[in-house]
Amino acid sequence: MTTPSFEIPTEQWAQVVETTGSHTYKKIPVRQPGPGELLIHILYSGVCHTDLHAMNGDWPLPRSLPLVGGHEGAGVVVAHGPNVTSPPLGSHVGLKWLNASCLSCTFCQSSDEPLCAHAKLSGYTVDGSFQQYAVANAAHVALIPDNCDLEAVAPVLCAGITVYKGLKESGAKPGQWVAIVGAGGGLGSMAVQYARAMGLEVVAIDGGEEKRVSCEKLGASKFVDFGTSEDLVAEVRKATPDGNGPHAVLLLAVQERPFQQATEYVRSRGSVVCIGLPAGAYLKAPVFDTVVRMITIKGSYVGNRQDTREALDFFARGLVKVPIKTVGLSQLGEAYQMMQEGKVVGRYVVDTSR
């Protein structure tokens, strides 16, 4: 079998955060992969709320400037660094939030590599996917099945993996109910589908008629509009057949208030899983109620490499379809503006060729 060869330019277009709160579309050099690394020709990248936080610098997590954001990059392997032979050149791969980890600490050895103290984060501590060519750790890239459309699959590389992991962490079983807060957004639209594919019934919580239509189309059994509801807690409980509330809650919201409400409507012995990361937000729950109702409150971070394979398999089998709007990489600001206004239904994807 002939090994494919690729013509790699010395310069490329990228969106670069040079100062907090702004980004610049400009040409930068194409970096060559080092030992253990490979070079991906990024064709498409999903746009995540995390990218907005990275630009604005409002998380209590140090980042590197200047910085190329993005961590949902889908593309093709075009070069190997020293001692790298896999994935082969020409393979379809994904650049994820977790760009690299040490692979030798106790967390890495127990399949919790996202918790590695030496983790490198795409689009945050190392350059990410808002560029045409990106360097990644060969052991951590996602292997994208050949039957997957790269434009459509890009958001799975963070949004899909993250919500799939959260659903696993919730402990909810087939036939049980899960409330998804922020169900009409990028993560939420995928969480509804993963939940349905896993045999769960969904109470979608979001605001507006457009999001209600979208959530119901994707398989939500019930929809609660936080903007018009007079008693959201009572309405969510009532949405479940026995009126006791959902067995689990997935918090994907980017505001603090939903994190304070969830324990009020989750059923006894239920679980509240925090995934969204509103800047400066705090959790609050009454200790007495949490104890006597045996409520579990937990965080769920991004998935590991096995979670990634499983999440991509759902997509490859047609069980998850991502509602996307594609714009050119040069139009990234449009996606950020829509995010800030809370108007995104589904997920934005950028095409790096324009």
Protein backbone atom coordinates (compact mmCIF):
# COMPACT_ATOMS: atom_id res chain seq x y z
CA MET A 1 0.00 0.00 0.00
CA THR A 2 1.41 3.39 -1.02
CA THR A 3 1.80 5.92 1.77
CA PRO A 4 0.02 9.14 0.81
CA SER A 5 1.97 12.38 0.73
CA PHE A 6 0.68 15.88 1.39
CA GLU A 7 1.89 19.32 0.37
CA ILE A 8 2.05 21.32 3.58
CA PRO A 9 2.27 25.12 3.36
CA THR A 10 4.54 27.19 5.58
CA GLU A 11 1.76 29.66 6.45
CA GLN A 12 -1.93 29.28 7.27
CA TRP A 13 -5.02 31.27 8.24
CA ALA A 14 -6.00 31.25 11.92
CA GLN A 15 -8.08 33.07 14.51
CA VAL A 16 -5.66 34.29 17.18
CA VAL A 17 -6.41 35.68 20.64
CA GLU A 18 -3.63 38.19 21.22
CA THR A 19 -5.30 40.27 23.93
CA THR A 20 -8.13 39.37 26.29
CA GLY A 21 -11.58 39.83 24.79
CA SER A 22 -10.71 39.93 21.10
CA HIS A 23 -9.51 37.72 18.26
CA THR A 24 -7.72 38.44 14.98
CA TYR A 25 -8.01 36.56 11.68
CA LYS A 26 -4.46 36.47 10.37
CA LYS A 27 -1.75 34.32 8.81
CA ILE A 28 0.61 32.44 11.12
CA PRO A 29 3.33 29.82 10.55
CA VAL A 30 2.44 26.13 10.27
CA ARG A 31 4.13 24.31 13.16
CA GLN A 32 5.88 21.00 12.58
CA PRO A 33 5.06 18.05 14.89
CA GLY A 34 7.59 16.98 17.48
CA PRO A 35 8.19 13.54 19.07
CA GLY A 36 4.90 11.80 19.84
CA GLU A 37 2.95 14.35 17.82
CA LEU A 38 1.25 14.57 14.45
CA LEU A 39 -0.01 17.34 12.20
CA ILE A 40 -3.71 17.52 11.33
CA HIS A 41 -5.11 19.44 8.38
CA ILE A 42 -8.14 20.87 10.16
CA LEU A 43 -11.08 21.09 7.75
CA TYR A 44 -13.85 21.94 10.21
CA SER A 45 -14.12 22.93 13.84
CA GLY A 46 -17.07 23.21 16.17
CA VAL A 47 -17.43 26.36 18.25
CA CYS A 48 -17.94 25.92 22.00
CA HIS A 49 -18.77 28.26 24.89
CA THR A 50 -15.38 27.31 26.29
CA ASP A 51 -13.77 29.13 23.35
CA LEU A 52 -15.57 32.29 24.43
CA HIS A 53 -14.28 31.85 27.99
CA ALA A 54 -10.76 31.28 26.64
CA MET A 55 -10.94 34.53 24.69
CA ASN A 56 -12.41 36.51 27.60
CA GLY A 57 -10.10 34.98 30.23
CA ASP A 58 -12.90 34.72 32.81
CA TRP A 59 -12.12 31.25 34.14
CA PRO A 60 -9.83 30.66 37.16
CA LEU A 61 -7.54 28.61 34.92
CA PRO A 62 -4.31 30.02 33.45
CA ARG A 63 -4.19 30.14 29.65
CA SER A 64 -1.45 30.90 27.15
CA LEU A 65 -1.45 34.08 25.02
CA PRO A 66 -1.20 34.56 22.11
CA LEU A 67 -3.55 31.64 21.57
CA VAL A 68 -5.34 29.87 18.74
CA GLY A 69 -8.68 28.77 20.20
CA GLY A 70 -10.89 25.82 19.29
CA HIS A 71 -11.04 22.20 20.43
CA GLU A 72 -13.52 20.43 18.13
CA GLY A 73 -11.32 20.06 15.07
CA ALA A 74 -12.01 17.41 12.44
CA GLY A 75 -9.48 16.74 9.73
CA VAL A 76 -6.83 14.56 8.14
CA VAL A 77 -3.40 13.41 9.40
CA VAL A 78 -0.84 14.94 7.01
CA ALA A 79 2.49 14.51 8.88
CA HIS A 80 4.04 12.48 11.69
CA GLY A 81 6.56 13.60 14.25
CA PRO A 82 9.61 11.45 15.12
CA ASN A 83 8.74 7.88 16.20
CA VAL A 84 5.04 8.25 15.25
CA THR A 85 3.48 5.80 12.80
CA SER A 86 -0.14 5.73 13.94
CA PRO A 87 -2.73 6.85 13.03
CA PRO A 88 -1.52 6.48 9.43
CA LEU A 89 -1.22 9.46 7.10
CA GLY A 90 -4.59 10.18 5.52
CA SER A 91 -6.56 9.03 8.58
CA HIS A 92 -9.58 11.04 9.67
CA VAL A 93 -9.00 12.25 13.21
CA GLY A 94 -10.29 14.76 15.72
CA LEU A 95 -8.52 17.34 17.87
CA LYS A 96 -10.19 17.34 21.30
CA TRP A 97 -10.09 19.56 24.40
CA LEU A 98 -7.58 17.16 25.95
CA ASN A 99 -4.63 17.57 23.60
CA ALA A 100 -2.18 15.53 25.67
CA SER A 101 -1.56 14.03 29.12
CA CYS A 102 1.40 12.33 30.78
CA LEU A 103 -0.12 8.81 30.44
CA SER A 104 1.82 7.66 33.52
CA CYS A 105 0.19 9.25 36.59
CA THR A 106 -2.46 7.49 38.68
CA PHE A 107 -5.24 9.37 36.90
CA CYS A 108 -4.00 8.48 33.42
CA GLN A 109 -3.50 4.85 34.41
CA SER A 110 -7.06 4.60 35.73
CA SER A 111 -8.70 6.06 32.58
CA ASP A 112 -9.12 9.50 34.11
CA GLU A 113 -6.58 11.19 31.85
CA PRO A 114 -8.61 14.46 31.74
CA LEU A 115 -7.66 14.87 35.44
CA CYS A 116 -3.91 14.62 34.74
CA ALA A 117 -2.01 17.46 36.41
CA HIS A 118 0.12 17.81 33.27
CA ALA A 119 -2.74 17.83 30.78
CA LYS A 120 -2.46 20.13 27.76
CA LEU A 121 -5.73 21.72 26.68
CA SER A 122 -6.44 22.52 23.04
CA GLY A 123 -7.40 26.13 22.48
CA TYR A 124 -6.52 27.05 26.05
CA THR A 125 -2.98 26.10 27.09
CA VAL A 126 -1.86 25.03 23.60
CA ASP A 127 -3.04 26.14 20.16
CA GLY A 128 -6.29 24.55 19.03
CA SER A 129 -8.45 24.03 15.97
CA PHE A 130 -9.26 27.56 14.77
CA GLN A 131 -6.45 27.20 12.25
CA GLN A 132 -5.90 25.19 9.10
CA TYR A 133 -3.11 22.97 10.49
CA ALA A 134 -2.85 21.90 14.14
CA VAL A 135 -0.37 19.81 16.11
CA ALA A 136 -1.74 17.15 18.46
CA ASN A 137 -0.52 14.30 20.62
CA ALA A 138 -0.82 11.09 18.57
CA ALA A 139 -2.04 9.04 21.55
CA HIS A 140 -4.93 11.41 22.25
CA VAL A 141 -6.45 12.23 18.88
CA ALA A 142 -9.94 10.86 18.27
CA LEU A 143 -10.14 8.24 15.53
CA ILE A 144 -13.09 9.24 13.35
CA PRO A 145 -14.80 6.38 11.46
CA ASP A 146 -14.48 6.68 7.68
CA ASN A 147 -18.25 6.87 7.18
CA CYS A 148 -18.55 10.07 9.22
CA ASP A 149 -18.90 13.44 7.52
CA LEU A 150 -16.17 15.64 9.01
CA GLU A 151 -18.30 18.79 8.98
CA ALA A 152 -21.16 17.11 10.84
CA VAL A 153 -19.03 15.15 13.31
CA ALA A 154 -16.86 18.06 14.51
CA PRO A 155 -19.13 19.07 17.46
CA VAL A 156 -19.11 15.49 18.78
CA LEU A 157 -15.42 15.97 19.64
CA CYS A 158 -16.32 18.09 22.67
CA ALA A 159 -20.07 18.61 22.99
CA GLY A 160 -20.96 15.01 22.19
CA ILE A 161 -18.26 13.40 24.30
CA THR A 162 -18.97 15.72 27.22
CA VAL A 163 -22.72 15.11 27.42
CA TYR A 164 -22.34 11.37 26.79
CA LYS A 165 -19.89 11.21 29.69
CA GLY A 166 -22.29 13.21 31.86
CA LEU A 167 -25.15 10.83 31.13
CA LYS A 168 -22.95 7.87 32.08
CA GLU A 169 -21.92 9.65 35.29
CA SER A 170 -25.58 10.33 36.17
CA GLY A 171 -26.27 6.63 36.69
CA ALA A 172 -29.65 6.95 34.97
CA LYS A 173 -30.93 3.66 33.56
CA PRO A 174 -33.04 2.88 30.48
CA GLY A 175 -36.65 3.87 31.04
CA GLN A 176 -35.80 6.50 33.64
CA TRP A 177 -36.15 10.27 33.25
CA VAL A 178 -33.40 12.89 32.88
CA ALA A 179 -33.88 16.66 32.88
CA ILE A 180 -31.52 18.48 30.54
CA VAL A 181 -31.07 22.17 31.39
CA GLY A 182 -30.00 24.13 28.33
CA ALA A 183 -31.44 21.45 26.07
CA GLY A 184 -31.82 23.70 23.04
CA GLY A 185 -28.17 24.75 22.80
CA GLY A 186 -25.16 23.02 21.29
CA LEU A 187 -24.50 20.58 24.13
CA GLY A 188 -28.17 20.20 24.91
CA SER A 189 -29.24 19.27 21.40
CA MET A 190 -26.76 16.43 21.51
CA ALA A 191 -27.56 15.44 25.10
CA VAL A 192 -31.22 14.94 24.17
CA GLN A 193 -30.23 12.55 21.38
CA TYR A 194 -27.65 10.61 23.40
CA ALA A 195 -30.17 10.26 26.22
CA ARG A 196 -32.81 8.89 23.86
CA ALA A 197 -30.29 6.53 22.26
CA MET A 198 -29.43 5.27 25.76
CA GLY A 199 -33.10 4.51 26.47
CA LEU A 200 -33.83 7.54 28.67
CA GLU A 201 -36.88 9.80 28.67
CA VAL A 202 -36.06 13.52 28.47
CA VAL A 203 -37.50 16.63 30.11
CA ALA A 204 -35.94 19.45 28.09
CA ILE A 205 -35.54 22.78 29.92
CA ASP A 206 -34.80 25.92 27.88
CA GLY A 207 -36.42 29.14 26.71
CA GLY A 208 -38.37 30.08 23.59
CA GLU A 209 -40.58 28.49 20.96
CA GLU A 210 -37.71 27.80 18.54
CA LYS A 211 -35.91 25.75 21.15
CA ARG A 212 -39.10 23.91 22.13
CA VAL A 213 -39.63 22.84 18.53
CA SER A 214 -35.99 21.79 18.19
CA CYS A 215 -35.97 19.76 21.44
CA GLU A 216 -39.20 17.95 20.63
CA LYS A 217 -37.97 17.18 17.11
CA LEU A 218 -34.82 15.64 18.59
CA GLY A 219 -36.81 13.36 20.89
CA ALA A 220 -37.57 15.18 24.14
CA SER A 221 -40.75 13.83 25.76
CA LYS A 222 -41.51 17.05 27.63
CA PHE A 223 -40.41 20.70 27.35
CA VAL A 224 -40.40 23.27 30.16
CA ASP A 225 -39.87 26.91 29.18
CA PHE A 226 -38.00 28.68 31.97
CA GLY A 227 -38.93 32.04 30.47
CA THR A 228 -42.69 31.56 30.77
CA SER A 229 -43.00 29.06 33.62
CA GLU A 230 -44.55 30.47 36.80
CA ASP A 231 -43.17 27.60 38.93
CA LEU A 232 -40.36 25.79 37.18
CA VAL A 233 -39.71 23.34 40.02
CA ALA A 234 -43.33 22.19 40.12
CA GLU A 235 -43.56 22.02 36.34
CA VAL A 236 -40.45 19.83 35.99
CA ARG A 237 -41.70 17.45 38.65
CA LYS A 238 -45.12 17.30 37.02
CA ALA A 239 -43.49 16.43 33.67
CA THR A 240 -42.54 12.97 34.99
CA PRO A 241 -45.24 10.26 35.14
CA ASP A 242 -45.35 9.89 38.93
CA GLY A 243 -44.76 13.56 39.70
CA ASN A 244 -41.65 12.84 41.75
CA GLY A 245 -39.24 14.49 39.31
CA PRO A 246 -36.46 13.19 37.07
CA HIS A 247 -33.96 10.55 38.18
CA ALA A 248 -31.09 12.74 37.00
CA VAL A 249 -30.42 16.34 35.96
CA LEU A 250 -27.76 17.43 33.45
CA LEU A 251 -26.83 21.08 34.00
CA LEU A 252 -25.53 22.51 30.74
CA ALA A 253 -26.58 26.10 31.48
CA VAL A 254 -24.23 29.08 31.26
CA GLN A 255 -26.02 30.99 34.04
CA GLU A 256 -25.82 30.35 37.79
CA ARG A 257 -29.55 30.19 38.72
CA PRO A 258 -30.24 26.68 37.28
CA PHE A 259 -27.46 25.26 39.46
CA GLN A 260 -29.36 26.45 42.55
CA GLN A 261 -32.72 25.03 41.43
CA ALA A 262 -31.83 21.49 40.34
CA THR A 263 -31.88 19.83 43.77
CA GLU A 264 -35.41 21.15 44.31
CA TYR A 265 -36.92 19.13 41.46
CA VAL A 266 -34.67 16.07 41.14
CA ARG A 267 -36.34 13.04 42.71
CA SER A 268 -35.13 11.50 45.95
CA ARG A 269 -32.02 9.39 45.43
CA GLY A 270 -31.51 11.25 42.16
CA SER A 271 -28.32 12.77 40.82
CA VAL A 272 -27.47 16.30 39.72
CA VAL A 273 -24.59 16.41 37.24
CA CYS A 274 -22.86 19.75 36.68
CA ILE A 275 -21.31 20.21 33.23
CA GLY A 276 -21.82 23.85 32.25
CA LEU A 277 -19.25 26.29 33.63
CA PRO A 278 -20.74 29.74 34.22
CA ALA A 279 -17.94 32.14 35.12
CA GLY A 280 -17.77 32.83 38.88
CA ALA A 281 -20.81 30.66 39.66
CA TYR A 282 -21.42 28.70 42.87
CA LEU A 283 -23.51 25.68 43.76
CA LYS A 284 -25.99 25.92 46.63
CA ALA A 285 -28.21 23.20 48.12
CA PRO A 286 -29.86 22.74 51.54
CA VAL A 287 -27.84 20.21 53.54
CA PHE A 288 -30.85 18.71 55.35
CA ASP A 289 -32.83 18.10 52.15
CA THR A 290 -29.77 16.75 50.33
CA VAL A 291 -29.09 14.24 53.12
CA VAL A 292 -32.59 12.97 53.89
CA ARG A 293 -33.50 12.70 50.20
CA MET A 294 -30.12 11.07 49.42
CA ILE A 295 -29.35 13.40 46.50
CA THR A 296 -26.02 13.10 44.72
CA ILE A 297 -24.40 16.28 43.37
CA LYS A 298 -21.36 15.77 41.17
CA GLY A 299 -19.29 17.31 38.42
CA SER A 300 -18.58 15.67 35.08
CA TYR A 301 -15.63 16.79 32.99
CA VAL A 302 -14.75 15.71 29.45
CA GLY A 303 -14.65 12.02 28.57
CA ASN A 304 -11.61 9.77 28.35
CA ARG A 305 -10.41 7.99 25.20
CA GLN A 306 -12.88 5.11 25.61
CA ASP A 307 -15.77 7.56 26.12
CA THR A 308 -14.62 9.24 22.90
CA ARG A 309 -14.77 5.99 20.94
CA GLU A 310 -18.24 5.22 22.29
CA ALA A 311 -19.60 8.72 21.60
CA LEU A 312 -18.31 8.60 18.03
CA ASP A 313 -19.83 5.15 17.55
CA PHE A 314 -23.30 6.52 18.40
CA PHE A 315 -22.77 9.16 15.70
CA ALA A 316 -21.39 6.70 13.14
CA ARG A 317 -24.47 4.48 13.59
CA GLY A 318 -26.77 7.41 12.87
CA LEU A 319 -28.18 7.61 16.40
CA VAL A 320 -27.04 11.19 16.89
CA LYS A 321 -27.33 14.02 14.38
CA VAL A 322 -25.89 17.42 15.17
CA PRO A 323 -27.97 20.47 14.17
CA ILE A 324 -25.23 22.74 12.80
CA LYS A 325 -24.78 26.09 11.09
CA THR A 326 -21.53 26.39 9.15
CA VAL A 327 -19.72 29.67 8.57
CA GLY A 328 -16.20 30.48 7.45
CA LEU A 329 -13.36 30.60 9.99
CA SER A 330 -13.14 34.30 9.15
CA GLN A 331 -16.71 34.68 10.52
CA LEU A 332 -16.00 33.26 13.99
CA GLY A 333 -17.10 36.55 15.54
CA GLU A 334 -20.66 35.91 14.31
CA ALA A 335 -20.81 32.68 16.29
CA TYR A 336 -19.47 34.39 19.42
CA GLN A 337 -22.05 37.18 19.11
CA MET A 338 -24.92 34.68 18.83
CA MET A 339 -23.58 32.79 21.86
CA GLN A 340 -23.40 35.92 23.97
CA GLU A 341 -26.99 36.75 23.03
CA GLY A 342 -28.17 33.19 23.84
CA LYS A 343 -29.55 32.72 20.33
CA VAL A 344 -27.66 29.61 19.21
CA VAL A 345 -29.89 26.65 18.38
CA GLY A 346 -27.66 23.63 17.86
CA ARG A 347 -23.98 24.18 17.13
CA TYR A 348 -21.86 26.53 15.05
CA VAL A 349 -19.14 24.98 12.89
CA VAL A 350 -16.37 26.88 11.09
CA ASP A 351 -14.98 25.90 7.70
CA THR A 352 -11.25 26.66 7.77
CA SER A 353 -11.05 27.11 4.00
CA ARG A 354 -12.92 30.43 4.11
